[in-house]
Amino acid sequence: MKFVLKNKATALLLILFSIFSINQDKLSSEQLFISAIPDQYPEKLNRLYSLLAKELSDQLNVEVVYKPVINYQAAVSAFRTGDLDLVWFGGLTGVQARLQRPGSIVIAQRDIDAKFHSVFIANTNSGIKPISNIYELRQLKGRRFTFGSESSTSGRLMPQHYLTKANVKTTDFKGGRAGYSGSHDATIVLVQSGSYEAGVLNEQVWKENVSNGKADLKKVKTIWKTPAYADYHWLAQPNLDNKFRPGFTKSLTEKILNLNNQQPIQQEILKLFNATKFVKAYAYQYKDIESIGRELGKIR
């Protein structure tokens, strides 16, 4: 079909409009800021999220920037103020962030997150025996015990929930209080060294450290695995479609869900996440986490 153009000015306007329409995504000056709770050593997190940021940048035609945070609550605060657009939260911090930022969207979790576990570990010289039922957690009374971060779901919230069920209070530990290592990796190091007789952490981090030899099974052992609960997930700001373009949140979700092991970079990303894929996630999956958070005073 041929179009009759009245003059050169009209033709120029049509050409410019066509160029703008094709490249409008790339012309955006907005950046997508992503982050994650610092649950492991910074070196691993920097590697993981730098790879993910580049992959999402290429697929979404926007600049994706990873902004590390100093602790769990810093991630929640930065999400609340809108300084972060997309954050990999644990169950508890995700609920906290969502309650403080109404309309935010739970978009995805790993294939392992719907039924997640914590593991209690002990130094092999501690004399602490394997636990066959929840009430045997009482043998931890009077012991030097450490959680991970104070706001960790798998390293504090759910373990404390089960300890409470067994009538073990944090004041029952040696010194009248529990320790807080700050991260799952650090918990292993502290228990393995004997600084603490026992501790608790994310099951996946434990498995990874056993696999790579950083957890010395001659010095540290598992004594109990908790029942399953929902944990980690991606949480997105409610206004991303306005910030970038209509349908952006849907597109972002699809890119995360479509990460697969057939592409080398995506394979490495999934490996660093200790997952084989991401699956759709929903806010209702974290109702129990919210209830327990309120019971323990972590959500008000």
Protein backbone atom coordinates (compact mmCIF):
# COMPACT_ATOMS: atom_id res chain seq x y z
CA MET A 1 0.00 0.00 0.00
CA LYS A 2 1.35 3.43 -0.93
CA PHE A 3 0.76 6.51 1.21
CA VAL A 4 0.60 9.93 -0.42
CA LEU A 5 2.43 12.43 1.74
CA LYS A 6 1.51 16.07 1.31
CA ASN A 7 4.93 17.42 2.15
CA LYS A 8 8.38 16.54 3.45
CA ALA A 9 7.56 17.78 6.95
CA THR A 10 4.78 15.22 7.29
CA ALA A 11 7.08 12.47 6.06
CA LEU A 12 9.75 13.43 8.59
CA LEU A 13 7.24 13.39 11.44
CA LEU A 14 6.05 9.92 10.47
CA ILE A 15 9.61 8.59 10.34
CA LEU A 16 10.42 10.04 13.76
CA PHE A 17 7.22 8.63 15.22
CA SER A 18 8.07 5.19 13.81
CA ILE A 19 11.57 5.25 15.31
CA PHE A 20 10.22 6.36 18.68
CA SER A 21 7.59 3.59 18.69
CA ILE A 22 10.14 0.87 17.96
CA ASN A 23 12.73 2.04 20.48
CA GLN A 24 10.65 3.58 23.23
CA ASP A 25 11.60 0.84 25.74
CA LYS A 26 15.29 1.54 25.22
CA LEU A 27 14.83 5.29 25.48
CA SER A 28 13.59 5.07 29.06
CA SER A 29 15.93 6.69 31.55
CA GLU A 30 14.38 4.79 34.47
CA GLN A 31 16.37 2.07 36.22
CA LEU A 32 15.03 -1.06 37.89
CA PHE A 33 16.64 -1.36 41.32
CA ILE A 34 16.84 -4.89 42.73
CA SER A 35 18.19 -6.23 46.01
CA ALA A 36 18.02 -9.13 48.45
CA ILE A 37 18.23 -9.83 52.14
CA PRO A 38 21.92 -10.45 53.03
CA ASP A 39 21.45 -14.02 54.23
CA GLN A 40 24.81 -15.29 52.93
CA TYR A 41 28.32 -14.01 52.37
CA PRO A 42 28.51 -10.82 50.24
CA GLU A 43 30.82 -12.40 47.64
CA LYS A 44 28.18 -14.94 46.64
CA LEU A 45 25.36 -12.40 46.67
CA ASN A 46 27.31 -9.96 44.51
CA ARG A 47 28.05 -12.71 41.99
CA LEU A 48 24.45 -13.91 41.88
CA TYR A 49 22.65 -10.58 41.63
CA SER A 50 25.15 -9.03 39.22
CA LEU A 51 24.49 -11.93 36.84
CA LEU A 52 20.74 -11.64 37.34
CA ALA A 53 20.77 -7.86 36.83
CA LYS A 54 22.54 -8.22 33.49
CA GLU A 55 20.23 -10.99 32.35
CA LEU A 56 17.09 -9.02 33.21
CA SER A 57 18.55 -5.87 31.62
CA ASP A 58 19.04 -7.71 28.34
CA GLN A 59 15.58 -9.26 28.38
CA LEU A 60 13.55 -6.28 29.58
CA ASN A 61 15.38 -3.49 27.72
CA VAL A 62 15.80 -1.49 30.91
CA GLU A 63 18.88 -0.93 33.04
CA VAL A 64 18.71 -3.23 36.07
CA VAL A 65 20.91 -2.24 39.01
CA TYR A 66 21.73 -4.43 42.02
CA LYS A 67 21.89 -2.43 45.26
CA PRO A 68 23.18 -4.47 48.23
CA VAL A 69 21.84 -3.68 51.70
CA ILE A 70 23.54 -3.96 55.08
CA ASN A 71 20.91 -6.05 56.87
CA TYR A 72 17.42 -7.53 56.61
CA GLN A 73 15.60 -4.49 57.96
CA ALA A 74 17.46 -2.19 55.57
CA ALA A 75 15.92 -4.18 52.71
CA VAL A 76 12.44 -3.74 54.19
CA SER A 77 12.97 -0.01 54.77
CA ALA A 78 14.32 0.62 51.26
CA PHE A 79 11.37 -1.23 49.74
CA ARG A 80 8.92 0.77 51.87
CA THR A 81 10.37 4.09 50.70
CA GLY A 82 10.43 2.98 47.06
CA ASP A 83 14.22 2.98 46.77
CA LEU A 84 14.10 -0.66 45.70
CA ASP A 85 11.77 -1.95 42.98
CA LEU A 86 12.23 -5.69 43.31
CA VAL A 87 13.59 -7.57 46.33
CA TRP A 88 14.34 -11.20 47.14
CA PHE A 89 12.87 -11.46 50.63
CA GLY A 90 12.54 -14.23 53.15
CA GLY A 91 9.05 -15.12 54.31
CA LEU A 92 9.04 -12.76 57.32
CA THR A 93 10.72 -9.76 55.69
CA GLY A 94 8.50 -10.18 52.64
CA VAL A 95 5.39 -9.99 54.80
CA GLN A 96 6.79 -6.99 56.69
CA ALA A 97 7.59 -5.19 53.43
CA ARG A 98 4.21 -5.98 51.87
CA LEU A 99 2.32 -4.69 54.90
CA GLN A 100 4.34 -1.47 54.82
CA ARG A 101 3.91 -1.03 51.07
CA PRO A 102 0.23 -1.74 50.25
CA GLY A 103 -0.35 -3.06 46.76
CA SER A 104 3.09 -4.64 46.38
CA ILE A 105 3.04 -7.92 44.50
CA VAL A 106 4.40 -11.37 45.35
CA ILE A 107 5.49 -12.61 41.93
CA ALA A 108 7.63 -15.74 42.26
CA GLN A 109 9.45 -18.20 44.50
CA ARG A 110 11.89 -21.03 43.87
CA ASP A 111 10.61 -24.55 43.35
CA ILE A 112 11.87 -25.33 46.89
CA ASP A 113 10.24 -22.41 48.73
CA ALA A 114 6.66 -23.62 49.11
CA LYS A 115 7.90 -26.39 51.42
CA PHE A 116 11.03 -25.04 53.05
CA HIS A 117 12.86 -26.28 56.15
CA SER A 118 15.29 -25.12 58.81
CA VAL A 119 17.88 -27.44 60.29
CA PHE A 120 19.18 -27.40 63.85
CA ILE A 121 22.88 -28.20 64.04
CA ALA A 122 25.26 -29.00 66.89
CA ASN A 123 28.98 -29.23 67.47
CA THR A 124 29.95 -32.90 67.54
CA ASN A 125 31.72 -32.46 70.88
CA SER A 126 28.67 -30.90 72.53
CA GLY A 127 27.05 -34.18 73.52
CA ILE A 128 23.74 -33.00 72.03
CA LYS A 129 21.81 -35.95 70.63
CA PRO A 130 19.70 -36.13 67.44
CA ILE A 131 16.09 -35.09 68.00
CA SER A 132 13.22 -37.37 67.00
CA ASN A 133 10.33 -35.18 68.13
CA ILE A 134 9.84 -31.50 68.83
CA TYR A 135 9.82 -31.88 72.62
CA GLU A 136 13.41 -33.13 72.60
CA LEU A 137 14.41 -29.56 71.72
CA ARG A 138 14.37 -29.10 75.50
CA GLN A 139 17.86 -30.59 75.67
CA LEU A 140 19.07 -27.25 74.22
CA LYS A 141 18.27 -25.51 77.51
CA GLY A 142 21.44 -24.32 79.18
CA ARG A 143 23.41 -24.58 75.92
CA ARG A 144 25.20 -21.85 73.96
CA PHE A 145 22.79 -21.40 71.04
CA THR A 146 22.72 -19.07 68.03
CA PHE A 147 20.10 -18.03 65.52
CA GLY A 148 21.04 -16.34 62.22
CA SER A 149 19.71 -12.85 61.61
CA GLU A 150 17.09 -11.55 64.04
CA SER A 151 14.68 -11.09 61.09
CA SER A 152 15.42 -14.38 59.33
CA THR A 153 12.48 -16.70 58.68
CA SER A 154 14.51 -19.90 58.50
CA GLY A 155 17.26 -18.76 60.87
CA ARG A 156 15.09 -17.29 63.62
CA LEU A 157 11.29 -16.94 63.22
CA MET A 158 10.27 -20.53 62.48
CA PRO A 159 12.93 -22.11 64.72
CA GLN A 160 11.81 -19.92 67.62
CA HIS A 161 8.22 -20.90 66.87
CA TYR A 162 9.09 -24.59 67.28
CA LEU A 163 11.25 -23.94 70.33
CA THR A 164 8.28 -22.14 71.91
CA LYS A 165 6.08 -25.15 71.17
CA ALA A 166 8.63 -27.28 73.05
CA ASN A 167 8.52 -24.79 75.95
CA VAL A 168 12.05 -23.55 75.30
CA LYS A 169 12.45 -19.79 75.72
CA THR A 170 15.44 -17.77 74.51
CA THR A 171 16.19 -16.97 78.15
CA ASP A 172 16.69 -20.72 78.73
CA PHE A 173 19.92 -20.74 76.73
CA LYS A 174 23.27 -20.37 78.44
CA GLY A 175 23.82 -16.78 79.53
CA GLY A 176 20.07 -16.13 79.47
CA ARG A 177 19.93 -15.32 75.77
CA ALA A 178 20.55 -16.64 72.25
CA GLY A 179 23.21 -15.39 69.89
CA TYR A 180 22.55 -13.90 66.44
CA SER A 181 25.21 -14.75 63.87
CA GLY A 182 23.85 -12.45 61.15
CA SER A 183 23.79 -15.04 58.34
CA HIS A 184 23.35 -18.75 57.71
CA ASP A 185 26.98 -19.25 56.66
CA ALA A 186 28.18 -17.59 59.85
CA THR A 187 25.99 -19.87 61.96
CA ILE A 188 27.79 -22.92 60.57
CA VAL A 189 31.19 -21.38 61.24
CA LEU A 190 30.31 -20.48 64.83
CA VAL A 191 28.88 -23.89 65.71
CA GLN A 192 31.63 -25.77 63.90
CA SER A 193 34.29 -23.81 65.79
CA GLY A 194 32.65 -24.48 69.15
CA SER A 195 31.85 -20.82 69.82
CA TYR A 196 28.27 -22.04 70.12
CA GLU A 197 27.22 -25.58 70.94
CA ALA A 198 24.19 -25.45 68.67
CA GLY A 199 22.40 -23.25 66.16
CA VAL A 200 19.83 -23.21 63.39
CA LEU A 201 19.82 -22.21 59.73
CA ASN A 202 18.37 -22.48 56.25
CA GLU A 203 18.42 -26.12 55.04
CA GLN A 204 19.60 -25.22 51.53
CA VAL A 205 22.60 -23.27 52.82
CA TRP A 206 23.46 -26.22 55.06
CA LYS A 207 23.31 -28.64 52.10
CA GLU A 208 25.45 -26.34 49.98
CA ASN A 209 28.10 -26.04 52.69
CA VAL A 210 28.16 -29.80 53.16
CA SER A 211 28.51 -30.28 49.40
CA ASN A 212 31.39 -27.83 49.02
CA GLY A 213 33.18 -29.10 52.14
CA LYS A 214 32.86 -25.92 54.20
CA ALA A 215 30.76 -27.79 56.75
CA ASP A 216 33.06 -30.37 58.34
CA LEU A 217 30.81 -33.25 59.39
CA LYS A 218 33.47 -34.37 61.87
CA LYS A 219 32.91 -31.12 63.75
CA VAL A 220 29.26 -30.20 63.13
CA LYS A 221 26.13 -32.28 62.56
CA THR A 222 22.39 -31.88 62.01
CA ILE A 223 20.17 -32.84 64.93
CA TRP A 224 16.67 -31.91 63.69
CA LYS A 225 14.80 -30.68 60.61
CA THR A 226 11.66 -28.60 61.07
CA PRO A 227 8.30 -29.25 59.42
CA ALA A 228 7.79 -27.45 56.09
CA TYR A 229 6.72 -23.83 55.68
CA ALA A 230 6.69 -21.20 52.88
CA ASP A 231 9.75 -18.97 52.77
CA TYR A 232 11.67 -16.93 50.16
CA HIS A 233 9.98 -14.96 47.37
CA TRP A 234 10.30 -12.03 44.97
CA LEU A 235 8.30 -8.94 45.92
CA ALA A 236 7.69 -6.15 43.38
CA GLN A 237 6.57 -2.57 43.86
CA PRO A 238 2.94 -1.88 42.92
CA ASN A 239 3.79 0.94 40.48
CA LEU A 240 6.24 -0.67 38.04
CA ASP A 241 3.81 -0.45 35.12
CA ASN A 242 3.61 3.31 35.66
CA LYS A 243 7.36 3.67 36.11
CA PHE A 244 8.25 1.72 32.97
CA ARG A 245 5.38 0.70 30.66
CA PRO A 246 1.98 -1.03 30.75
CA GLY A 247 2.40 -4.76 31.35
CA PHE A 248 5.93 -4.41 32.71
CA THR A 249 5.23 -6.33 35.96
CA LYS A 250 3.78 -9.22 33.96
CA SER A 251 6.79 -9.23 31.65
CA LEU A 252 9.21 -9.10 34.59
CA THR A 253 7.43 -12.05 36.22
CA GLU A 254 7.58 -14.06 33.01
CA LYS A 255 11.31 -13.43 32.60
CA ILE A 256 11.97 -14.75 36.11
CA LEU A 257 9.67 -17.74 35.67
CA ASN A 258 11.31 -18.60 32.35
CA LEU A 259 14.88 -18.79 33.69
CA ASN A 260 16.05 -22.27 32.72
CA ASN A 261 19.01 -24.63 32.76
CA GLN A 262 19.36 -24.70 28.97
CA GLN A 263 21.06 -21.28 28.90
CA PRO A 264 24.54 -21.18 30.50
CA ILE A 265 24.13 -17.85 32.32
CA GLN A 266 20.62 -18.69 33.48
CA GLN A 267 21.85 -22.09 34.60
CA GLU A 268 24.47 -20.43 36.79
CA ILE A 269 21.89 -18.03 38.22
CA LEU A 270 19.60 -20.91 39.17
CA LYS A 271 22.54 -22.85 40.64
CA LEU A 272 23.48 -19.88 42.82
CA PHE A 273 19.84 -19.73 43.94
CA ASN A 274 20.02 -23.47 44.79
CA ALA A 275 17.01 -24.03 42.54
CA THR A 276 16.08 -25.67 39.25
CA LYS A 277 13.41 -23.09 38.40
CA PHE A 278 11.14 -20.34 39.70
CA VAL A 279 7.38 -20.82 40.08
CA LYS A 280 4.47 -18.44 40.60
CA ALA A 281 3.92 -17.36 44.19
CA TYR A 282 1.02 -15.73 46.00
CA ALA A 283 0.59 -13.61 49.12
CA TYR A 284 -1.79 -16.12 50.74
CA GLN A 285 1.03 -18.67 51.00
CA TYR A 286 2.59 -16.51 53.72
CA LYS A 287 -0.43 -16.15 56.01
CA ASP A 288 1.05 -18.55 58.57
CA ILE A 289 4.33 -16.61 58.54
CA GLU A 290 2.37 -13.42 59.25
CA SER A 291 0.47 -15.05 62.13
CA ILE A 292 3.64 -16.43 63.72
CA GLY A 293 5.39 -13.09 63.18
CA ARG A 294 2.64 -11.37 65.13
CA GLU A 295 2.76 -13.97 67.91
CA LEU A 296 6.50 -13.46 68.34
CA GLY A 297 6.32 -9.68 68.10
CA LYS A 298 8.12 -9.39 64.74
CA ILE A 299 5.04 -7.92 63.06
CA ARG A 300 2.92 -5.34 64.82
